Amino acid sequence: MMRYDMRIFCGSSSVDFVNKICTYLNIKKGDSDVITFSEGNTFVRINEPIRGKDIYLVQSIGLQPNDEFVEILFWMDAFKRASAKSVTAIIPYFSYAKGDKKDEPRVSIRARVCTECIELAGADRIITMDLHSPQIQGFFKKPVDHLQAMLLLCEQIKLLNLEDYVIASPDAGYAKQAREYSKYLGVPTVIADKARSDHNESANILDVIGDVEGKNVVIADDFIISGSTLIDLSYKLKKLGAQKIIACTSHILSSKKSIQQLDSSKISMLITTDSIYNPNINLSRKIKVISAAPLFAEAILRMHNNISISPLFKALPKKVIQLSEQYNY
């Protein structure tokens, strides 16, 4: 049973996502405003008393990462100054997670800067999903709940009734997670050998380790921006004799141009989540969106009532799976 000493508020990038969470939990969304002034300044306001309440703020850092990140900081500060009992930052997609290391001279470790700012602004806990680098959890001093979209995506893959298929990792870095897909679905894994020369969001597929001839292939990845890696890999897989090629990704940030390129590629379907509100998705005939909001809602429910969320990493409640299919756009 949900206690009533909690409130869920939404940032400007996650309005639809929060509506789905509140529908799942059968509660009203917190009353608040976000105003962007003509010179670009952001103003946030809470329109109801929250003293002594547990607050959950939902805001993805997605298509406008700088504005959306700064908005989170202002929300954290506003909630703390309004005497909230606790403030949990729910960030379905954490954009700056890509900047997790100093791999060349004179660069910032952007993920560490962002995590420290969110904590200093007042976050007591963080809930996110499929960080590009899971070790980023260590950048936070506060507790982090790192949810996974894998089970949601795997349940959708099952519905496709594919025969003789394999899971493909687009690079060695995602191989461990790809094997988790394989383990859950009971199929083999193949791994692409990818090389990236700079920061132009493009990479070259050099080879594929594993047999794909005559097989259907499901490419699994955590996020796509330009989609060039998945598209190039689809052409490589076709050359190696693969049949139908499906892709699934936790987050999608693709532009209109990238969506068009995806539609003309060898990928027959892309399954993703609504962790980021991306209207460009509606331009595609190949993209299927399932909602991660029920997963987050279930995590909030369990955490707020001091129930372990560990079972959500092994098997999802039927309600979560069913509503993830219904809450799409």
C-alpha atoms as a PDB file:
ATOM      1  CA  MET A   1       0.000   0.000   0.000  1.00  0.00           C
ATOM      2  CA  MET A   2       1.309   3.454  -0.915  1.00  0.00           C
ATOM      3  CA  ARG A   3       1.914   5.835   1.990  1.00  0.00           C
ATOM      4  CA  TYR A   4       0.729   9.390   1.457  1.00  0.00           C
ATOM      5  CA  ASP A   5       3.831  11.150   2.809  1.00  0.00           C
ATOM      6  CA  MET A   6       5.381  11.058  -0.675  1.00  0.00           C
ATOM      7  CA  ARG A   7       4.967  13.156  -3.804  1.00  0.00           C
ATOM      8  CA  ILE A   8       6.168  12.672  -7.377  1.00  0.00           C
ATOM      9  CA  PHE A   9       7.109  15.730  -9.414  1.00  0.00           C
ATOM     10  CA  CYS A  10       8.196  15.990 -13.022  1.00  0.00           C
ATOM     11  CA  GLY A  11      10.843  18.023 -14.763  1.00  0.00           C
ATOM     12  CA  SER A  12      10.133  19.540 -18.152  1.00  0.00           C
ATOM     13  CA  SER A  13      11.651  16.613 -20.086  1.00  0.00           C
ATOM     14  CA  SER A  14       9.633  13.831 -18.439  1.00  0.00           C
ATOM     15  CA  VAL A  15       6.017  15.003 -18.199  1.00  0.00           C
ATOM     16  CA  ASP A  16       4.530  12.041 -20.081  1.00  0.00           C
ATOM     17  CA  PHE A  17       6.794   9.604 -18.214  1.00  0.00           C
ATOM     18  CA  VAL A  18       5.608  10.911 -14.839  1.00  0.00           C
ATOM     19  CA  ASN A  19       1.960  10.714 -15.909  1.00  0.00           C
ATOM     20  CA  LYS A  20       2.505   7.001 -16.585  1.00  0.00           C
ATOM     21  CA  ILE A  21       4.230   6.495 -13.223  1.00  0.00           C
ATOM     22  CA  CYS A  22       1.382   8.212 -11.395  1.00  0.00           C
ATOM     23  CA  THR A  23      -1.211   6.159 -13.285  1.00  0.00           C
ATOM     24  CA  TYR A  24       0.584   2.975 -12.222  1.00  0.00           C
ATOM     25  CA  LEU A  25       0.701   4.124  -8.578  1.00  0.00           C
ATOM     26  CA  ASN A  26      -2.805   5.638  -8.678  1.00  0.00           C
ATOM     27  CA  ILE A  27      -1.661   8.968  -7.249  1.00  0.00           C
ATOM     28  CA  LYS A  28      -1.763  12.572  -8.473  1.00  0.00           C
ATOM     29  CA  LYS A  29       1.303  14.239  -9.916  1.00  0.00           C
ATOM     30  CA  GLY A  30       2.887  16.972  -7.809  1.00  0.00           C
ATOM     31  CA  ASP A  31       1.803  20.517  -8.670  1.00  0.00           C
ATOM     32  CA  SER A  32       4.722  22.528 -10.049  1.00  0.00           C
ATOM     33  CA  ASP A  33       5.836  24.884 -12.808  1.00  0.00           C
ATOM     34  CA  VAL A  34       8.894  25.209 -15.019  1.00  0.00           C
ATOM     35  CA  ILE A  35       9.376  28.537 -16.799  1.00  0.00           C
ATOM     36  CA  THR A  36      12.072  29.369 -19.332  1.00  0.00           C
ATOM     37  CA  PHE A  37      12.610  33.105 -19.669  1.00  0.00           C
ATOM     38  CA  SER A  38      13.390  34.820 -22.963  1.00  0.00           C
ATOM     39  CA  GLU A  39      17.138  34.995 -22.270  1.00  0.00           C
ATOM     40  CA  GLY A  40      17.246  31.245 -21.511  1.00  0.00           C
ATOM     41  CA  ASN A  41      17.132  31.252 -17.691  1.00  0.00           C
ATOM     42  CA  THR A  42      15.192  28.422 -16.041  1.00  0.00           C
ATOM     43  CA  PHE A  43      12.785  28.992 -13.146  1.00  0.00           C
ATOM     44  CA  VAL A  44      11.161  26.172 -11.138  1.00  0.00           C
ATOM     45  CA  ARG A  45       8.364  26.460  -8.594  1.00  0.00           C
ATOM     46  CA  ILE A  46       6.577  24.038  -6.254  1.00  0.00           C
ATOM     47  CA  ASN A  47       2.887  24.890  -5.922  1.00  0.00           C
ATOM     48  CA  GLU A  48       2.007  22.820  -2.850  1.00  0.00           C
ATOM     49  CA  PRO A  49       3.371  22.236   0.680  1.00  0.00           C
ATOM     50  CA  ILE A  50       5.946  19.414   0.835  1.00  0.00           C
ATOM     51  CA  ARG A  51       7.286  19.834   4.373  1.00  0.00           C
ATOM     52  CA  GLY A  52       8.162  16.445   5.847  1.00  0.00           C
ATOM     53  CA  LYS A  53       7.383  14.520   2.648  1.00  0.00           C
ATOM     54  CA  ASP A  54       9.512  12.121   0.624  1.00  0.00           C
ATOM     55  CA  ILE A  55       9.936  13.725  -2.798  1.00  0.00           C
ATOM     56  CA  TYR A  56      10.674  11.988  -6.106  1.00  0.00           C
ATOM     57  CA  LEU A  57      11.738  14.233  -8.980  1.00  0.00           C
ATOM     58  CA  VAL A  58      11.711  12.627 -12.446  1.00  0.00           C
ATOM     59  CA  GLN A  59      13.826  14.271 -15.131  1.00  0.00           C
ATOM     60  CA  SER A  60      15.771  12.651 -17.953  1.00  0.00           C
ATOM     61  CA  ILE A  61      18.933  14.338 -19.167  1.00  0.00           C
ATOM     62  CA  GLY A  62      18.343  13.726 -22.838  1.00  0.00           C
ATOM     63  CA  LEU A  63      17.886  15.831 -25.967  1.00  0.00           C
ATOM     64  CA  GLN A  64      18.723  19.141 -24.239  1.00  0.00           C
ATOM     65  CA  PRO A  65      21.240  17.883 -21.701  1.00  0.00           C
ATOM     66  CA  ASN A  66      22.608  21.184 -20.425  1.00  0.00           C
ATOM     67  CA  ASP A  67      19.200  22.752 -19.716  1.00  0.00           C
ATOM     68  CA  GLU A  68      17.779  19.524 -18.306  1.00  0.00           C
ATOM     69  CA  PHE A  69      20.770  18.966 -16.029  1.00  0.00           C
ATOM     70  CA  VAL A  70      20.652  22.502 -14.619  1.00  0.00           C
ATOM     71  CA  GLU A  71      16.907  22.150 -14.064  1.00  0.00           C
ATOM     72  CA  ILE A  72      17.545  19.109 -11.861  1.00  0.00           C
ATOM     73  CA  LEU A  73      19.895  21.181  -9.700  1.00  0.00           C
ATOM     74  CA  PHE A  74      17.278  23.899  -9.259  1.00  0.00           C
ATOM     75  CA  TRP A  75      14.637  21.308  -8.343  1.00  0.00           C
ATOM     76  CA  MET A  76      16.895  19.701  -5.737  1.00  0.00           C
ATOM     77  CA  ASP A  77      17.543  23.097  -4.160  1.00  0.00           C
ATOM     78  CA  ALA A  78      13.852  24.077  -4.206  1.00  0.00           C
ATOM     79  CA  PHE A  79      12.744  20.849  -2.534  1.00  0.00           C
ATOM     80  CA  LYS A  80      15.377  21.101   0.188  1.00  0.00           C
ATOM     81  CA  ARG A  81      14.531  24.745   0.886  1.00  0.00           C
ATOM     82  CA  ALA A  82      10.855  23.752   1.145  1.00  0.00           C
ATOM     83  CA  SER A  83      11.769  21.335   3.984  1.00  0.00           C
ATOM     84  CA  ALA A  84      11.242  18.037   2.179  1.00  0.00           C
ATOM     85  CA  LYS A  85      12.073  15.017   4.309  1.00  0.00           C
ATOM     86  CA  SER A  86      14.069  13.416   1.481  1.00  0.00           C
ATOM     87  CA  VAL A  87      14.627  14.056  -2.211  1.00  0.00           C
ATOM     88  CA  THR A  88      15.233  11.292  -4.753  1.00  0.00           C
ATOM     89  CA  ALA A  89      16.440  12.263  -8.221  1.00  0.00           C
ATOM     90  CA  ILE A  90      14.988   9.852 -10.777  1.00  0.00           C
ATOM     91  CA  ILE A  91      16.977  10.190 -13.999  1.00  0.00           C
ATOM     92  CA  PRO A  92      15.769   7.592 -16.536  1.00  0.00           C
ATOM     93  CA  TYR A  93      18.548   8.593 -18.939  1.00  0.00           C
ATOM     94  CA  PHE A  94      21.749  10.166 -17.592  1.00  0.00           C
ATOM     95  CA  SER A  95      23.316  11.768 -20.660  1.00  0.00           C
ATOM     96  CA  TYR A  96      26.709  12.711 -19.252  1.00  0.00           C
ATOM     97  CA  ALA A  97      27.350   9.121 -18.211  1.00  0.00           C
ATOM     98  CA  LYS A  98      29.308   8.871 -21.467  1.00  0.00           C
ATOM     99  CA  GLY A  99      31.994  11.119 -19.940  1.00  0.00           C
ATOM    100  CA  ASP A 100      33.160   8.563 -17.391  1.00  0.00           C
ATOM    101  CA  LYS A 101      36.941   8.688 -17.826  1.00  0.00           C
ATOM    102  CA  LYS A 102      39.940  10.829 -18.706  1.00  0.00           C
ATOM    103  CA  ASP A 103      41.133   9.010 -21.817  1.00  0.00           C
ATOM    104  CA  GLU A 104      43.076  11.886 -23.343  1.00  0.00           C
ATOM    105  CA  PRO A 105      44.988  14.889 -21.967  1.00  0.00           C
ATOM    106  CA  ARG A 106      43.279  18.028 -20.658  1.00  0.00           C
ATOM    107  CA  VAL A 107      39.665  16.825 -20.666  1.00  0.00           C
ATOM    108  CA  SER A 108      36.964  16.821 -17.994  1.00  0.00           C
ATOM    109  CA  ILE A 109      35.495  13.706 -16.414  1.00  0.00           C
ATOM    110  CA  ARG A 110      32.016  15.087 -17.042  1.00  0.00           C
ATOM    111  CA  ALA A 111      30.048  12.327 -15.310  1.00  0.00           C
ATOM    112  CA  ARG A 112      31.879  12.948 -12.036  1.00  0.00           C
ATOM    113  CA  VAL A 113      31.222  16.695 -12.225  1.00  0.00           C
ATOM    114  CA  CYS A 114      27.498  16.094 -12.819  1.00  0.00           C
ATOM    115  CA  THR A 115      27.098  13.545 -10.028  1.00  0.00           C
ATOM    116  CA  GLU A 116      28.811  15.799  -7.510  1.00  0.00           C
ATOM    117  CA  CYS A 117      26.629  18.765  -8.477  1.00  0.00           C
ATOM    118  CA  ILE A 118      23.410  16.751  -8.108  1.00  0.00           C
ATOM    119  CA  GLU A 119      24.439  15.611  -4.643  1.00  0.00           C
ATOM    120  CA  LEU A 120      25.551  19.072  -3.523  1.00  0.00           C
ATOM    121  CA  ALA A 121      22.235  20.507  -4.728  1.00  0.00           C
ATOM    122  CA  GLY A 122      20.393  18.188  -2.337  1.00  0.00           C
ATOM    123  CA  ALA A 123      19.706  14.721  -3.771  1.00  0.00           C
ATOM    124  CA  ASP A 124      19.543  12.026  -1.078  1.00  0.00           C
ATOM    125  CA  ARG A 125      19.225   9.140  -3.517  1.00  0.00           C
ATOM    126  CA  ILE A 126      19.404   8.554  -7.263  1.00  0.00           C
ATOM    127  CA  ILE A 127      17.457   6.141  -9.451  1.00  0.00           C
ATOM    128  CA  THR A 128      18.546   5.724 -13.062  1.00  0.00           C
ATOM    129  CA  MET A 129      18.527   3.112 -15.815  1.00  0.00           C
ATOM    130  CA  ASP A 130      21.260   1.544 -17.942  1.00  0.00           C
ATOM    131  CA  LEU A 131      24.142   3.908 -17.378  1.00  0.00           C
ATOM    132  CA  HIS A 132      26.605   3.800 -20.247  1.00  0.00           C
ATOM    133  CA  SER A 133      29.264   2.877 -17.684  1.00  0.00           C
ATOM    134  CA  PRO A 134      27.907   1.198 -14.530  1.00  0.00           C
ATOM    135  CA  GLN A 135      30.989   2.229 -12.546  1.00  0.00           C
ATOM    136  CA  ILE A 136      29.599   5.779 -12.543  1.00  0.00           C
ATOM    137  CA  GLN A 137      27.551   4.675  -9.538  1.00  0.00           C
ATOM    138  CA  GLY A 138      30.850   5.003  -7.666  1.00  0.00           C
ATOM    139  CA  PHE A 139      30.992   8.710  -8.505  1.00  0.00           C
ATOM    140  CA  PHE A 140      28.004   9.216  -6.198  1.00  0.00           C
ATOM    141  CA  LYS A 141      28.411   9.195  -2.420  1.00  0.00           C
ATOM    142  CA  LYS A 142      24.648   8.782  -2.035  1.00  0.00           C
ATOM    143  CA  PRO A 143      22.811   5.485  -2.731  1.00  0.00           C
ATOM    144  CA  VAL A 144      22.137   4.701  -6.398  1.00  0.00           C
ATOM    145  CA  ASP A 145      19.526   2.262  -7.716  1.00  0.00           C
ATOM    146  CA  HIS A 146      20.602   1.250 -11.224  1.00  0.00           C
ATOM    147  CA  LEU A 147      17.609  -0.267 -13.035  1.00  0.00           C
ATOM    148  CA  GLN A 148      17.889  -2.264 -16.252  1.00  0.00           C
ATOM    149  CA  ALA A 149      15.656  -2.246 -19.318  1.00  0.00           C
ATOM    150  CA  MET A 150      16.972  -5.657 -20.369  1.00  0.00           C
ATOM    151  CA  LEU A 151      14.064  -7.715 -19.018  1.00  0.00           C
ATOM    152  CA  LEU A 152      11.492  -5.394 -20.637  1.00  0.00           C
ATOM    153  CA  LEU A 153      13.301  -5.639 -23.971  1.00  0.00           C
ATOM    154  CA  CYS A 154      13.764  -9.409 -23.678  1.00  0.00           C
ATOM    155  CA  GLU A 155      10.040  -9.909 -23.092  1.00  0.00           C
ATOM    156  CA  GLN A 156       9.394  -8.011 -26.328  1.00  0.00           C
ATOM    157  CA  ILE A 157      11.956 -10.130 -28.164  1.00  0.00           C
ATOM    158  CA  LYS A 158      10.149 -13.258 -26.989  1.00  0.00           C
ATOM    159  CA  LEU A 159       6.918 -11.986 -28.546  1.00  0.00           C
ATOM    160  CA  LEU A 160       8.612 -11.887 -31.967  1.00  0.00           C
ATOM    161  CA  ASN A 161       8.862 -15.702 -31.965  1.00  0.00           C
ATOM    162  CA  LEU A 162      12.204 -15.621 -33.776  1.00  0.00           C
ATOM    163  CA  GLU A 163      13.758 -18.948 -34.747  1.00  0.00           C
ATOM    164  CA  ASP A 164      17.474 -19.772 -34.687  1.00  0.00           C
ATOM    165  CA  TYR A 165      18.680 -16.368 -33.532  1.00  0.00           C
ATOM    166  CA  VAL A 166      21.673 -14.902 -31.712  1.00  0.00           C
ATOM    167  CA  ILE A 167      22.292 -11.778 -29.624  1.00  0.00           C
ATOM    168  CA  ALA A 168      24.910  -9.425 -31.080  1.00  0.00           C
ATOM    169  CA  SER A 169      26.944  -6.921 -29.090  1.00  0.00           C
ATOM    170  CA  PRO A 170      27.971  -3.867 -31.182  1.00  0.00           C
ATOM    171  CA  ASP A 171      31.380  -3.793 -29.477  1.00  0.00           C
ATOM    172  CA  ALA A 172      33.484  -5.517 -26.850  1.00  0.00           C
ATOM    173  CA  GLY A 173      32.446  -2.981 -24.213  1.00  0.00           C
ATOM    174  CA  TYR A 174      28.825  -4.131 -24.267  1.00  0.00           C
ATOM    175  CA  ALA A 175      29.641  -7.830 -24.518  1.00  0.00           C
ATOM    176  CA  LYS A 176      29.021  -8.560 -20.831  1.00  0.00           C
ATOM    177  CA  GLN A 177      25.517  -7.093 -20.983  1.00  0.00           C
ATOM    178  CA  ALA A 178      24.815  -8.828 -24.306  1.00  0.00           C
ATOM    179  CA  ARG A 179      25.629 -12.138 -22.630  1.00  0.00           C
ATOM    180  CA  GLU A 180      22.990 -11.330 -19.998  1.00  0.00           C
ATOM    181  CA  TYR A 181      20.458 -11.021 -22.814  1.00  0.00           C
ATOM    182  CA  SER A 182      21.658 -14.376 -24.163  1.00  0.00           C
ATOM    183  CA  LYS A 183      21.445 -16.009 -20.764  1.00  0.00           C
ATOM    184  CA  TYR A 184      17.883 -14.806 -20.202  1.00  0.00           C
ATOM    185  CA  LEU A 185      16.741 -15.814 -23.699  1.00  0.00           C
ATOM    186  CA  GLY A 186      18.802 -19.011 -23.942  1.00  0.00           C
ATOM    187  CA  VAL A 187      20.598 -18.129 -27.197  1.00  0.00           C
ATOM    188  CA  PRO A 188      24.272 -17.603 -28.250  1.00  0.00           C
ATOM    189  CA  THR A 189      26.169 -14.298 -28.329  1.00  0.00           C
ATOM    190  CA  VAL A 190      28.277 -12.784 -31.110  1.00  0.00           C
ATOM    191  CA  ILE A 191      30.476  -9.699 -30.714  1.00  0.00           C
ATOM    192  CA  ALA A 192      31.372  -6.985 -33.214  1.00  0.00           C
ATOM    193  CA  ASP A 193      34.884  -5.573 -33.322  1.00  0.00           C
ATOM    194  CA  LYS A 194      34.482  -1.784 -33.551  1.00  0.00           C
ATOM    195  CA  ALA A 195      37.061   0.995 -33.964  1.00  0.00           C
ATOM    196  CA  ARG A 196      36.417   4.692 -33.273  1.00  0.00           C
ATOM    197  CA  SER A 197      39.001   7.289 -34.335  1.00  0.00           C
ATOM    198  CA  ASP A 198      37.540  10.482 -32.777  1.00  0.00           C
ATOM    199  CA  HIS A 199      34.385  12.081 -31.320  1.00  0.00           C
ATOM    200  CA  ASN A 200      32.349  12.301 -34.551  1.00  0.00           C
ATOM    201  CA  GLU A 201      29.787   9.701 -33.300  1.00  0.00           C
ATOM    202  CA  SER A 202      30.836   7.310 -36.070  1.00  0.00           C
ATOM    203  CA  ALA A 203      32.701   4.024 -35.794  1.00  0.00           C
ATOM    204  CA  ASN A 204      33.922   1.333 -38.168  1.00  0.00           C
ATOM    205  CA  ILE A 205      32.820  -2.291 -37.796  1.00  0.00           C
ATOM    206  CA  LEU A 206      35.932  -4.340 -38.489  1.00  0.00           C
ATOM    207  CA  ASP A 207      34.696  -7.883 -37.918  1.00  0.00           C
ATOM    208  CA  VAL A 208      32.095 -10.031 -36.156  1.00  0.00           C
ATOM    209  CA  ILE A 209      33.247 -12.715 -33.753  1.00  0.00           C
ATOM    210  CA  GLY A 210      30.817 -15.623 -33.961  1.00  0.00           C
ATOM    211  CA  ASP A 211      28.637 -17.405 -36.503  1.00  0.00           C
ATOM    212  CA  VAL A 212      25.644 -15.526 -37.957  1.00  0.00           C
ATOM    213  CA  GLU A 213      25.232 -17.264 -41.332  1.00  0.00           C
ATOM    214  CA  GLY A 214      21.612 -18.259 -41.872  1.00  0.00           C
ATOM    215  CA  LYS A 215      20.610 -16.935 -38.448  1.00  0.00           C
ATOM    216  CA  ASN A 216      18.367 -14.132 -37.259  1.00  0.00           C
ATOM    217  CA  VAL A 217      20.242 -11.525 -35.218  1.00  0.00           C
ATOM    218  CA  VAL A 218      19.158  -9.272 -32.347  1.00  0.00           C
ATOM    219  CA  ILE A 219      21.600  -6.405 -31.760  1.00  0.00           C
ATOM    220  CA  ALA A 220      21.520  -5.162 -28.147  1.00  0.00           C
ATOM    221  CA  ASP A 221      22.888  -1.788 -27.058  1.00  0.00           C
ATOM    222  CA  ASP A 222      22.378   0.762 -24.285  1.00  0.00           C
ATOM    223  CA  PHE A 223      21.700   3.876 -26.374  1.00  0.00           C
ATOM    224  CA  ILE A 224      21.903   5.214 -29.906  1.00  0.00           C
ATOM    225  CA  ILE A 225      22.478   8.752 -31.130  1.00  0.00           C
ATOM    226  CA  SER A 226      23.371   8.723 -34.813  1.00  0.00           C
ATOM    227  CA  GLY A 227      22.695   4.987 -35.064  1.00  0.00           C
ATOM    228  CA  SER A 228      25.683   4.603 -37.393  1.00  0.00           C
ATOM    229  CA  THR A 229      27.161   1.721 -35.413  1.00  0.00           C
ATOM    230  CA  LEU A 230      23.963  -0.334 -35.547  1.00  0.00           C
ATOM    231  CA  ILE A 231      23.392   0.517 -39.204  1.00  0.00           C
ATOM    232  CA  ASP A 232      26.953  -0.378 -40.222  1.00  0.00           C
ATOM    233  CA  LEU A 233      26.750  -3.571 -38.187  1.00  0.00           C
ATOM    234  CA  SER A 234      23.491  -4.525 -39.917  1.00  0.00           C
ATOM    235  CA  TYR A 235      25.202  -4.290 -43.329  1.00  0.00           C
ATOM    236  CA  LYS A 236      28.152  -6.316 -42.031  1.00  0.00           C
ATOM    237  CA  LEU A 237      25.827  -8.994 -40.653  1.00  0.00           C
ATOM    238  CA  LYS A 238      23.988  -9.220 -43.970  1.00  0.00           C
ATOM    239  CA  LYS A 239      27.284  -9.721 -45.801  1.00  0.00           C
ATOM    240  CA  LEU A 240      28.044 -12.568 -43.401  1.00  0.00           C
ATOM    241  CA  GLY A 241      24.752 -14.276 -44.268  1.00  0.00           C
ATOM    242  CA  ALA A 242      22.429 -13.128 -41.469  1.00  0.00           C
ATOM    243  CA  GLN A 243      18.671 -13.243 -42.072  1.00  0.00           C
ATOM    244  CA  LYS A 244      16.333 -10.881 -40.202  1.00  0.00           C
ATOM    245  CA  ILE A 245      18.073  -8.218 -38.097  1.00  0.00           C
ATOM    246  CA  ILE A 246      16.356  -6.714 -35.039  1.00  0.00           C
ATOM    247  CA  ALA A 247      17.887  -4.083 -32.754  1.00  0.00           C
ATOM    248  CA  CYS A 248      16.984  -3.150 -29.198  1.00  0.00           C
ATOM    249  CA  THR A 249      18.278  -0.271 -27.131  1.00  0.00           C
ATOM    250  CA  SER A 250      17.425   1.192 -23.747  1.00  0.00           C
ATOM    251  CA  HIS A 251      17.586   4.835 -24.849  1.00  0.00           C
ATOM    252  CA  ILE A 252      17.220   6.579 -28.219  1.00  0.00           C
ATOM    253  CA  LEU A 253      18.401  10.148 -28.898  1.00  0.00           C
ATOM    254  CA  SER A 254      18.358  10.003 -32.703  1.00  0.00           C
ATOM    255  CA  SER A 255      17.656  13.050 -34.868  1.00  0.00           C
ATOM    256  CA  LYS A 256      15.254  13.139 -37.823  1.00  0.00           C
ATOM    257  CA  LYS A 257      18.132  12.462 -40.200  1.00  0.00           C
ATOM    258  CA  SER A 258      19.331   9.485 -38.144  1.00  0.00           C
ATOM    259  CA  ILE A 259      15.811   8.053 -38.018  1.00  0.00           C
ATOM    260  CA  GLN A 260      15.594   8.274 -41.810  1.00  0.00           C
ATOM    261  CA  GLN A 261      18.911   6.463 -42.138  1.00  0.00           C
ATOM    262  CA  LEU A 262      17.668   3.774 -39.768  1.00  0.00           C
ATOM    263  CA  ASP A 263      14.520   3.288 -41.834  1.00  0.00           C
ATOM    264  CA  SER A 264      16.580   2.721 -44.981  1.00  0.00           C
ATOM    265  CA  SER A 265      18.995   0.297 -43.275  1.00  0.00           C
ATOM    266  CA  LYS A 266      18.952  -3.503 -43.072  1.00  0.00           C
ATOM    267  CA  ILE A 267      17.434  -3.348 -39.588  1.00  0.00           C
ATOM    268  CA  SER A 268      13.825  -4.512 -39.790  1.00  0.00           C
ATOM    269  CA  MET A 269      12.765  -3.369 -36.294  1.00  0.00           C
ATOM    270  CA  LEU A 270      14.194  -1.327 -33.431  1.00  0.00           C
ATOM    271  CA  ILE A 271      12.730  -1.846 -29.951  1.00  0.00           C
ATOM    272  CA  THR A 272      13.399   0.893 -27.413  1.00  0.00           C
ATOM    273  CA  THR A 273      11.948   2.558 -24.301  1.00  0.00           C
ATOM    274  CA  ASP A 274      10.434   5.950 -23.539  1.00  0.00           C
ATOM    275  CA  SER A 275      13.208   6.924 -21.112  1.00  0.00           C
ATOM    276  CA  ILE A 276      13.660  10.022 -23.307  1.00  0.00           C
ATOM    277  CA  TYR A 277      10.782  11.870 -24.905  1.00  0.00           C
ATOM    278  CA  ASN A 278      11.928  11.931 -28.526  1.00  0.00           C
ATOM    279  CA  PRO A 279       9.234  13.000 -31.023  1.00  0.00           C
ATOM    280  CA  ASN A 280      11.506  11.993 -33.902  1.00  0.00           C
ATOM    281  CA  ILE A 281      10.605   8.381 -33.108  1.00  0.00           C
ATOM    282  CA  ASN A 282       7.143   8.964 -34.545  1.00  0.00           C
ATOM    283  CA  LEU A 283       8.694   9.488 -37.987  1.00  0.00           C
ATOM    284  CA  SER A 284       9.833   5.873 -38.197  1.00  0.00           C
ATOM    285  CA  ARG A 285       7.914   2.853 -39.388  1.00  0.00           C
ATOM    286  CA  LYS A 286      10.454   0.510 -37.770  1.00  0.00           C
ATOM    287  CA  ILE A 287      10.678   1.732 -34.181  1.00  0.00           C
ATOM    288  CA  LYS A 288       8.584   0.101 -31.455  1.00  0.00           C
ATOM    289  CA  VAL A 289       8.481   1.913 -28.116  1.00  0.00           C
ATOM    290  CA  ILE A 290       7.722   0.225 -24.818  1.00  0.00           C
ATOM    291  CA  SER A 291       7.458   2.142 -21.572  1.00  0.00           C
ATOM    292  CA  ALA A 292       9.956   1.928 -18.740  1.00  0.00           C
ATOM    293  CA  ALA A 293       7.631   3.987 -16.517  1.00  0.00           C
ATOM    294  CA  PRO A 294       5.988   0.908 -14.888  1.00  0.00           C
ATOM    295  CA  LEU A 295       9.455  -0.389 -13.984  1.00  0.00           C
ATOM    296  CA  PHE A 296      10.358   2.911 -12.308  1.00  0.00           C
ATOM    297  CA  ALA A 297       6.947   3.079 -10.626  1.00  0.00           C
ATOM    298  CA  GLU A 298       7.410  -0.399  -9.171  1.00  0.00           C
ATOM    299  CA  ALA A 299      10.905   0.563  -7.954  1.00  0.00           C
ATOM    300  CA  ILE A 300       9.503   3.710  -6.286  1.00  0.00           C
ATOM    301  CA  LEU A 301       6.716   1.715  -4.653  1.00  0.00           C
ATOM    302  CA  ARG A 302       9.097  -0.872  -3.253  1.00  0.00           C
ATOM    303  CA  MET A 303      11.701   1.633  -2.118  1.00  0.00           C
ATOM    304  CA  HIS A 304       9.162   3.904  -0.455  1.00  0.00           C
ATOM    305  CA  ASN A 305       7.740   0.946   1.486  1.00  0.00           C
ATOM    306  CA  ASN A 306      11.184  -0.415   2.392  1.00  0.00           C
ATOM    307  CA  ILE A 307      10.864  -3.485   0.165  1.00  0.00           C
ATOM    308  CA  SER A 308      13.855  -4.855  -1.722  1.00  0.00           C
ATOM    309  CA  ILE A 309      14.049  -3.984  -5.437  1.00  0.00           C
ATOM    310  CA  SER A 310      16.488  -6.835  -6.148  1.00  0.00           C
ATOM    311  CA  PRO A 311      13.724  -9.077  -7.602  1.00  0.00           C
ATOM    312  CA  LEU A 312      13.279  -6.534 -10.423  1.00  0.00           C
ATOM    313  CA  PHE A 313      16.666  -7.615 -11.786  1.00  0.00           C
ATOM    314  CA  LYS A 314      15.620 -11.269 -12.068  1.00  0.00           C
ATOM    315  CA  ALA A 315      11.965 -11.268 -13.141  1.00  0.00           C
ATOM    316  CA  LEU A 316       9.416  -8.501 -13.618  1.00  0.00           C
ATOM    317  CA  PRO A 317       5.878  -8.520 -12.227  1.00  0.00           C
ATOM    318  CA  LYS A 318       3.260  -9.285 -14.877  1.00  0.00           C
ATOM    319  CA  LYS A 319       1.711  -5.850 -14.329  1.00  0.00           C
ATOM    320  CA  VAL A 320       4.997  -4.142 -15.248  1.00  0.00           C
ATOM    321  CA  ILE A 321       5.356  -6.190 -18.443  1.00  0.00           C
ATOM    322  CA  GLN A 322       1.737  -5.682 -19.497  1.00  0.00           C
ATOM    323  CA  LEU A 323       1.659  -1.935 -18.878  1.00  0.00           C
ATOM    324  CA  SER A 324       5.059  -1.374 -20.511  1.00  0.00           C
ATOM    325  CA  GLU A 325       3.370  -2.518 -23.722  1.00  0.00           C
ATOM    326  CA  GLN A 326       0.286  -0.343 -23.197  1.00  0.00           C
ATOM    327  CA  TYR A 327       2.043   2.861 -22.114  1.00  0.00           C
ATOM    328  CA  ASN A 328       3.744   3.529 -25.440  1.00  0.00           C
ATOM    329  CA  TYR A 329       3.511   6.461 -27.820  1.00  0.00           C
END
